[in-house]
PDB file of all heavy atoms in Angstrom:
ATOM      1  N   ILE A   1       8.626   4.314  25.592  1.00  0.00           N
ATOM      2  CA  ILE A   1       7.718   3.510  26.324  1.00  0.00           C
ATOM      3  C   ILE A   1       7.258   4.179  27.641  1.00  0.00           C
ATOM      4  O   ILE A   1       6.192   3.974  28.090  1.00  0.00           O
ATOM      5  CB  ILE A   1       8.272   2.101  26.569  1.00  0.00           C
ATOM      6  CG1 ILE A   1       7.167   1.156  27.087  1.00  0.00           C
ATOM      7  CG2 ILE A   1       9.538   2.124  27.500  1.00  0.00           C
ATOM      8  CD1 ILE A   1       6.121   0.845  26.073  1.00  0.00           C
ATOM      9  N   LYS A   2       8.137   4.912  28.227  1.00  0.00           N
ATOM     10  CA  LYS A   2       7.778   5.516  29.623  1.00  0.00           C
ATOM     11  C   LYS A   2       6.675   6.616  29.302  1.00  0.00           C
ATOM     12  O   LYS A   2       5.816   6.755  30.157  1.00  0.00           O
ATOM     13  CB  LYS A   2       8.863   6.201  30.263  1.00  0.00           C
ATOM     14  CG  LYS A   2       9.898   5.235  30.824  1.00  0.00           C
ATOM     15  CD  LYS A   2       9.259   4.322  31.904  1.00  0.00           C
ATOM     16  CE  LYS A   2      10.189   3.273  32.447  1.00  0.00           C
ATOM     17  NZ  LYS A   2       9.503   2.268  33.189  1.00  0.00           N
ATOM     18  N   ILE A   3       6.665   7.262  28.222  1.00  0.00           N
ATOM     19  CA  ILE A   3       5.543   8.223  27.824  1.00  0.00           C
ATOM     20  C   ILE A   3       4.219   7.431  27.696  1.00  0.00           C
ATOM     21  O   ILE A   3       3.248   7.855  28.312  1.00  0.00           O
ATOM     22  CB  ILE A   3       5.885   9.035  26.650  1.00  0.00           C
ATOM     23  CG1 ILE A   3       7.036  10.031  26.893  1.00  0.00           C
ATOM     24  CG2 ILE A   3       4.550   9.785  26.127  1.00  0.00           C
ATOM     25  CD1 ILE A   3       7.523  10.832  25.691  1.00  0.00           C
ATOM     26  N   ILE A   4       4.316   6.311  27.054  1.00  0.00           N
ATOM     27  CA  ILE A   4       3.104   5.507  26.793  1.00  0.00           C
ATOM     28  C   ILE A   4       2.621   4.971  28.171  1.00  0.00           C
ATOM     29  O   ILE A   4       1.445   4.960  28.533  1.00  0.00           O
ATOM     30  CB  ILE A   4       3.326   4.437  25.846  1.00  0.00           C
ATOM     31  CG1 ILE A   4       3.601   4.994  24.445  1.00  0.00           C
ATOM     32  CG2 ILE A   4       2.159   3.413  25.728  1.00  0.00           C
ATOM     33  CD1 ILE A   4       4.149   4.052  23.403  1.00  0.00           C
ATOM     34  N   GLU A   5       3.583   4.498  29.033  1.00  0.00           N
ATOM     35  CA  GLU A   5       3.131   4.076  30.360  1.00  0.00           C
ATOM     36  C   GLU A   5       2.487   5.144  31.201  1.00  0.00           C
ATOM     37  O   GLU A   5       1.488   4.944  31.881  1.00  0.00           O
ATOM     38  CB  GLU A   5       4.386   3.592  31.157  1.00  0.00           C
ATOM     39  CG  GLU A   5       4.960   2.232  30.686  1.00  0.00           C
ATOM     40  CD  GLU A   5       6.203   1.754  31.290  1.00  0.00           C
ATOM     41  OE1 GLU A   5       6.750   2.468  32.184  1.00  0.00           O
ATOM     42  OE2 GLU A   5       6.702   0.629  31.014  1.00  0.00           O
ATOM     43  N   GLY A   6       3.101   6.377  31.095  1.00  0.00           N
ATOM     44  CA  GLY A   6       2.552   7.516  31.797  1.00  0.00           C
ATOM     45  C   GLY A   6       1.108   7.802  31.311  1.00  0.00           C
ATOM     46  O   GLY A   6       0.158   8.058  32.112  1.00  0.00           O
ATOM     47  N   MET A   7       0.969   7.765  30.003  1.00  0.00           N
ATOM     48  CA  MET A   7      -0.421   8.029  29.421  1.00  0.00           C
ATOM     49  C   MET A   7      -1.356   6.974  29.883  1.00  0.00           C
ATOM     50  O   MET A   7      -2.485   7.286  30.230  1.00  0.00           O
ATOM     51  CB  MET A   7      -0.322   8.006  27.792  1.00  0.00           C
ATOM     52  CG  MET A   7       0.530   9.173  27.346  1.00  0.00           C
ATOM     53  SD  MET A   7       0.735   9.171  25.507  1.00  0.00           S
ATOM     54  CE  MET A   7      -0.758   9.953  24.957  1.00  0.00           C
ATOM     55  N   ALA A   8      -0.930   5.706  29.966  1.00  0.00           N
ATOM     56  CA  ALA A   8      -1.813   4.613  30.430  1.00  0.00           C
ATOM     57  C   ALA A   8      -2.198   4.812  31.858  1.00  0.00           C
ATOM     58  O   ALA A   8      -3.338   4.400  32.223  1.00  0.00           O
ATOM     59  CB  ALA A   8      -1.150   3.296  30.224  1.00  0.00           C
ATOM     60  N   MET A   9      -1.356   5.472  32.664  1.00  0.00           N
ATOM     61  CA  MET A   9      -1.632   5.770  34.013  1.00  0.00           C
ATOM     62  C   MET A   9      -2.484   7.055  34.206  1.00  0.00           C
ATOM     63  O   MET A   9      -2.854   7.468  35.260  1.00  0.00           O
ATOM     64  CB  MET A   9      -0.368   5.957  34.814  1.00  0.00           C
ATOM     65  CG  MET A   9       0.440   4.698  34.942  1.00  0.00           C
ATOM     66  SD  MET A   9       2.137   4.994  35.673  1.00  0.00           S
ATOM     67  CE  MET A   9       1.748   5.554  37.262  1.00  0.00           C
ATOM     68  N   GLY A  10      -2.840   7.650  33.040  1.00  0.00           N
ATOM     69  CA  GLY A  10      -3.540   8.928  33.086  1.00  0.00           C
ATOM     70  C   GLY A  10      -2.824  10.131  33.559  1.00  0.00           C
ATOM     71  O   GLY A  10      -3.350  11.056  34.199  1.00  0.00           O
ATOM     72  N   LYS A  11      -1.573  10.165  33.257  1.00  0.00           N
ATOM     73  CA  LYS A  11      -0.696  11.288  33.698  1.00  0.00           C
ATOM     74  C   LYS A  11      -0.721  12.333  32.612  1.00  0.00           C
ATOM     75  O   LYS A  11      -0.514  12.047  31.423  1.00  0.00           O
ATOM     76  CB  LYS A  11       0.650  10.852  33.904  1.00  0.00           C
ATOM     77  CG  LYS A  11       0.939   9.961  35.149  1.00  0.00           C
ATOM     78  CD  LYS A  11       0.750  10.791  36.376  1.00  0.00           C
ATOM     79  CE  LYS A  11       0.957   9.894  37.567  1.00  0.00           C
ATOM     80  NZ  LYS A  11       0.776  10.734  38.832  1.00  0.00           N
ATOM     81  N   PRO A  12      -0.902  13.575  32.967  1.00  0.00           N
ATOM     82  CA  PRO A  12      -0.709  14.675  32.068  1.00  0.00           C
ATOM     83  C   PRO A  12       0.803  14.636  31.662  1.00  0.00           C
ATOM     84  O   PRO A  12       1.674  14.720  32.575  1.00  0.00           O
ATOM     85  CB  PRO A  12      -0.972  16.002  32.775  1.00  0.00           C
ATOM     86  CG  PRO A  12      -1.965  15.473  33.873  1.00  0.00           C
ATOM     87  CD  PRO A  12      -1.406  14.059  34.250  1.00  0.00           C
ATOM     88  N   ILE A  13       1.139  14.611  30.399  1.00  0.00           N
ATOM     89  CA  ILE A  13       2.495  14.504  29.961  1.00  0.00           C
ATOM     90  C   ILE A  13       2.907  15.929  29.312  1.00  0.00           C
ATOM     91  O   ILE A  13       2.232  16.375  28.464  1.00  0.00           O
ATOM     92  CB  ILE A  13       2.639  13.511  28.868  1.00  0.00           C
ATOM     93  CG1 ILE A  13       2.058  12.103  29.326  1.00  0.00           C
ATOM     94  CG2 ILE A  13       4.209  13.322  28.366  1.00  0.00           C
ATOM     95  CD1 ILE A  13       2.817  11.395  30.321  1.00  0.00           C
ATOM     96  N   ILE A  14       4.077  16.363  29.689  1.00  0.00           N
ATOM     97  CA  ILE A  14       4.725  17.506  28.979  1.00  0.00           C
ATOM     98  C   ILE A  14       6.015  17.097  28.529  1.00  0.00           C
ATOM     99  O   ILE A  14       6.872  16.550  29.290  1.00  0.00           O
ATOM    100  CB  ILE A  14       4.979  18.670  30.000  1.00  0.00           C
ATOM    101  CG1 ILE A  14       3.616  19.214  30.638  1.00  0.00           C
ATOM    102  CG2 ILE A  14       5.612  19.860  29.215  1.00  0.00           C
ATOM    103  CD1 ILE A  14       3.792  20.213  31.700  1.00  0.00           C
ATOM    104  N   THR A  15       6.248  17.081  27.188  1.00  0.00           N
ATOM    105  CA  THR A  15       7.391  16.632  26.479  1.00  0.00           C
ATOM    106  C   THR A  15       7.712  17.509  25.370  1.00  0.00           C
ATOM    107  O   THR A  15       7.174  18.497  25.115  1.00  0.00           O
ATOM    108  CB  THR A  15       7.181  15.150  26.079  1.00  0.00           C
ATOM    109  OG1 THR A  15       8.462  14.590  25.646  1.00  0.00           O
ATOM    110  CG2 THR A  15       6.213  15.025  25.013  1.00  0.00           C
ATOM    111  N   THR A  16       8.837  17.057  24.658  1.00  0.00           N
ATOM    112  CA  THR A  16       9.254  17.887  23.435  1.00  0.00           C
ATOM    113  C   THR A  16       8.768  17.195  22.191  1.00  0.00           C
ATOM    114  O   THR A  16       8.226  16.038  22.238  1.00  0.00           O
ATOM    115  CB  THR A  16      10.754  17.784  23.457  1.00  0.00           C
ATOM    116  OG1 THR A  16      11.273  16.416  23.308  1.00  0.00           O
ATOM    117  CG2 THR A  16      11.445  18.424  24.658  1.00  0.00           C
ATOM    118  N   SER A  17       8.948  17.846  21.064  1.00  0.00           N
ATOM    119  CA  SER A  17       8.617  17.224  19.763  1.00  0.00           C
ATOM    120  C   SER A  17       9.273  15.923  19.624  1.00  0.00           C
ATOM    121  O   SER A  17       8.723  14.961  19.059  1.00  0.00           O
ATOM    122  CB  SER A  17       8.873  18.162  18.663  1.00  0.00           C
ATOM    123  OG  SER A  17       8.065  19.374  18.779  1.00  0.00           O
ATOM    124  N   ILE A  18      10.580  15.880  19.939  1.00  0.00           N
ATOM    125  CA  ILE A  18      11.394  14.723  19.881  1.00  0.00           C
ATOM    126  C   ILE A  18      10.837  13.557  20.830  1.00  0.00           C
ATOM    127  O   ILE A  18      10.841  12.405  20.506  1.00  0.00           O
ATOM    128  CB  ILE A  18      12.852  14.986  20.192  1.00  0.00           C
ATOM    129  CG1 ILE A  18      13.407  15.800  19.045  1.00  0.00           C
ATOM    130  CG2 ILE A  18      13.658  13.675  20.322  1.00  0.00           C
ATOM    131  CD1 ILE A  18      14.811  16.346  19.251  1.00  0.00           C
ATOM    132  N   GLY A  19      10.300  14.029  21.934  1.00  0.00           N
ATOM    133  CA  GLY A  19       9.780  13.079  22.985  1.00  0.00           C
ATOM    134  C   GLY A  19       8.623  12.282  22.415  1.00  0.00           C
ATOM    135  O   GLY A  19       8.445  11.109  22.834  1.00  0.00           O
ATOM    136  N   ILE A  20       7.857  12.791  21.583  1.00  0.00           N
ATOM    137  CA  ILE A  20       6.651  12.030  21.026  1.00  0.00           C
ATOM    138  C   ILE A  20       6.929  11.444  19.697  1.00  0.00           C
ATOM    139  O   ILE A  20       5.966  10.838  19.103  1.00  0.00           O
ATOM    140  CB  ILE A  20       5.342  12.871  21.078  1.00  0.00           C
ATOM    141  CG1 ILE A  20       5.503  14.091  20.217  1.00  0.00           C
ATOM    142  CG2 ILE A  20       4.923  13.158  22.487  1.00  0.00           C
ATOM    143  CD1 ILE A  20       4.022  14.752  19.836  1.00  0.00           C
ATOM    144  N   GLU A  21       8.121  11.529  19.167  1.00  0.00           N
ATOM    145  CA  GLU A  21       8.388  10.985  17.842  1.00  0.00           C
ATOM    146  C   GLU A  21       8.109   9.423  17.968  1.00  0.00           C
ATOM    147  O   GLU A  21       8.432   8.820  18.989  1.00  0.00           O
ATOM    148  CB  GLU A  21       9.795  11.115  17.423  1.00  0.00           C
ATOM    149  CG  GLU A  21      10.112  12.538  16.850  1.00  0.00           C
ATOM    150  CD  GLU A  21      11.503  12.702  16.440  1.00  0.00           C
ATOM    151  OE1 GLU A  21      12.334  11.762  16.544  1.00  0.00           O
ATOM    152  OE2 GLU A  21      11.803  13.780  15.907  1.00  0.00           O
ATOM    153  N   GLY A  22       7.372   8.905  17.023  1.00  0.00           N
ATOM    154  CA  GLY A  22       6.952   7.514  17.080  1.00  0.00           C
ATOM    155  C   GLY A  22       5.681   7.234  17.892  1.00  0.00           C
ATOM    156  O   GLY A  22       5.205   6.115  17.817  1.00  0.00           O
ATOM    157  N   ILE A  23       5.130   8.249  18.435  1.00  0.00           N
ATOM    158  CA  ILE A  23       3.884   8.021  19.166  1.00  0.00           C
ATOM    159  C   ILE A  23       2.829   8.972  18.506  1.00  0.00           C
ATOM    160  O   ILE A  23       2.967  10.163  18.431  1.00  0.00           O
ATOM    161  CB  ILE A  23       3.953   8.468  20.601  1.00  0.00           C
ATOM    162  CG1 ILE A  23       5.011   7.667  21.357  1.00  0.00           C
ATOM    163  CG2 ILE A  23       2.588   8.319  21.370  1.00  0.00           C
ATOM    164  CD1 ILE A  23       5.356   8.166  22.744  1.00  0.00           C
ATOM    165  N   GLU A  24       1.832   8.361  17.836  1.00  0.00           N
ATOM    166  CA  GLU A  24       0.905   9.157  17.000  1.00  0.00           C
ATOM    167  C   GLU A  24      -0.199   9.895  17.797  1.00  0.00           C
ATOM    168  O   GLU A  24      -1.410   9.789  17.481  1.00  0.00           O
ATOM    169  CB  GLU A  24       0.265   8.218  15.934  1.00  0.00           C
ATOM    170  CG  GLU A  24       1.277   7.549  14.984  1.00  0.00           C
ATOM    171  CD  GLU A  24       2.038   8.681  14.186  1.00  0.00           C
ATOM    172  OE1 GLU A  24       1.365   9.566  13.663  1.00  0.00           O
ATOM    173  OE2 GLU A  24       3.283   8.542  13.898  1.00  0.00           O
ATOM    174  N   CYS A  25       0.198  10.522  18.784  1.00  0.00           N
ATOM    175  CA  CYS A  25      -0.796  11.249  19.585  1.00  0.00           C
ATOM    176  C   CYS A  25      -0.959  12.676  19.085  1.00  0.00           C
ATOM    177  O   CYS A  25      -0.215  13.116  18.227  1.00  0.00           O
ATOM    178  CB  CYS A  25      -0.384  11.280  21.085  1.00  0.00           C
ATOM    179  SG  CYS A  25       1.180  12.080  21.395  1.00  0.00           S
ATOM    180  N   VAL A  26      -1.949  13.421  19.635  1.00  0.00           N
ATOM    181  CA  VAL A  26      -2.151  14.748  19.248  1.00  0.00           C
ATOM    182  C   VAL A  26      -1.641  15.732  20.272  1.00  0.00           C
ATOM    183  O   VAL A  26      -2.141  15.799  21.473  1.00  0.00           O
ATOM    184  CB  VAL A  26      -3.684  14.983  19.000  1.00  0.00           C
ATOM    185  CG1 VAL A  26      -4.031  16.403  18.615  1.00  0.00           C
ATOM    186  CG2 VAL A  26      -4.212  13.975  18.055  1.00  0.00           C
ATOM    187  N   ALA A  27      -0.756  16.567  19.882  1.00  0.00           N
ATOM    188  CA  ALA A  27      -0.152  17.614  20.737  1.00  0.00           C
ATOM    189  C   ALA A  27      -1.260  18.568  21.171  1.00  0.00           C
ATOM    190  O   ALA A  27      -2.076  18.982  20.289  1.00  0.00           O
ATOM    191  CB  ALA A  27       1.016  18.286  20.131  1.00  0.00           C
ATOM    192  N   GLY A  28      -1.318  18.958  22.381  1.00  0.00           N
ATOM    193  CA  GLY A  28      -2.324  19.832  22.840  1.00  0.00           C
ATOM    194  C   GLY A  28      -3.711  19.111  23.241  1.00  0.00           C
ATOM    195  O   GLY A  28      -4.485  19.710  23.955  1.00  0.00           O
ATOM    196  N   GLN A  29      -3.752  17.900  22.911  1.00  0.00           N
ATOM    197  CA  GLN A  29      -4.961  17.179  23.282  1.00  0.00           C
ATOM    198  C   GLN A  29      -4.594  15.961  24.192  1.00  0.00           C
ATOM    199  O   GLN A  29      -5.143  15.768  25.264  1.00  0.00           O
ATOM    200  CB  GLN A  29      -5.618  16.644  21.979  1.00  0.00           C
ATOM    201  CG  GLN A  29      -6.776  15.639  22.261  1.00  0.00           C
ATOM    202  CD  GLN A  29      -7.413  15.127  21.018  1.00  0.00           C
ATOM    203  OE1 GLN A  29      -7.797  15.899  20.157  1.00  0.00           O
ATOM    204  NE2 GLN A  29      -7.533  13.756  20.866  1.00  0.00           N
ATOM    205  N   ASP A  30      -3.591  15.183  23.724  1.00  0.00           N
ATOM    206  CA  ASP A  30      -3.148  14.064  24.481  1.00  0.00           C
ATOM    207  C   ASP A  30      -1.914  14.350  25.306  1.00  0.00           C
ATOM    208  O   ASP A  30      -1.735  13.690  26.360  1.00  0.00           O
ATOM    209  CB  ASP A  30      -2.800  12.895  23.511  1.00  0.00           C
ATOM    210  CG  ASP A  30      -3.942  12.556  22.574  1.00  0.00           C
ATOM    211  OD1 ASP A  30      -5.076  12.438  23.070  1.00  0.00           O
ATOM    212  OD2 ASP A  30      -3.770  12.288  21.390  1.00  0.00           O
ATOM    213  N   VAL A  31      -1.040  15.222  24.916  1.00  0.00           N
ATOM    214  CA  VAL A  31       0.159  15.656  25.622  1.00  0.00           C
ATOM    215  C   VAL A  31       0.312  17.122  25.307  1.00  0.00           C
ATOM    216  O   VAL A  31      -0.256  17.649  24.405  1.00  0.00           O
ATOM    217  CB  VAL A  31       1.393  14.902  25.176  1.00  0.00           C
ATOM    218  CG1 VAL A  31       1.315  13.412  25.345  1.00  0.00           C
ATOM    219  CG2 VAL A  31       1.712  15.225  23.639  1.00  0.00           C
TER     220      VAL A  31
END
């Protein structure tokens, strides 16, 4: 949820593959 909150705030996110599990975003585009 903190990743989603950061995205909603318009924060550039740097995370791991495990970090975005369950979030159907596009690596390299959304994070």
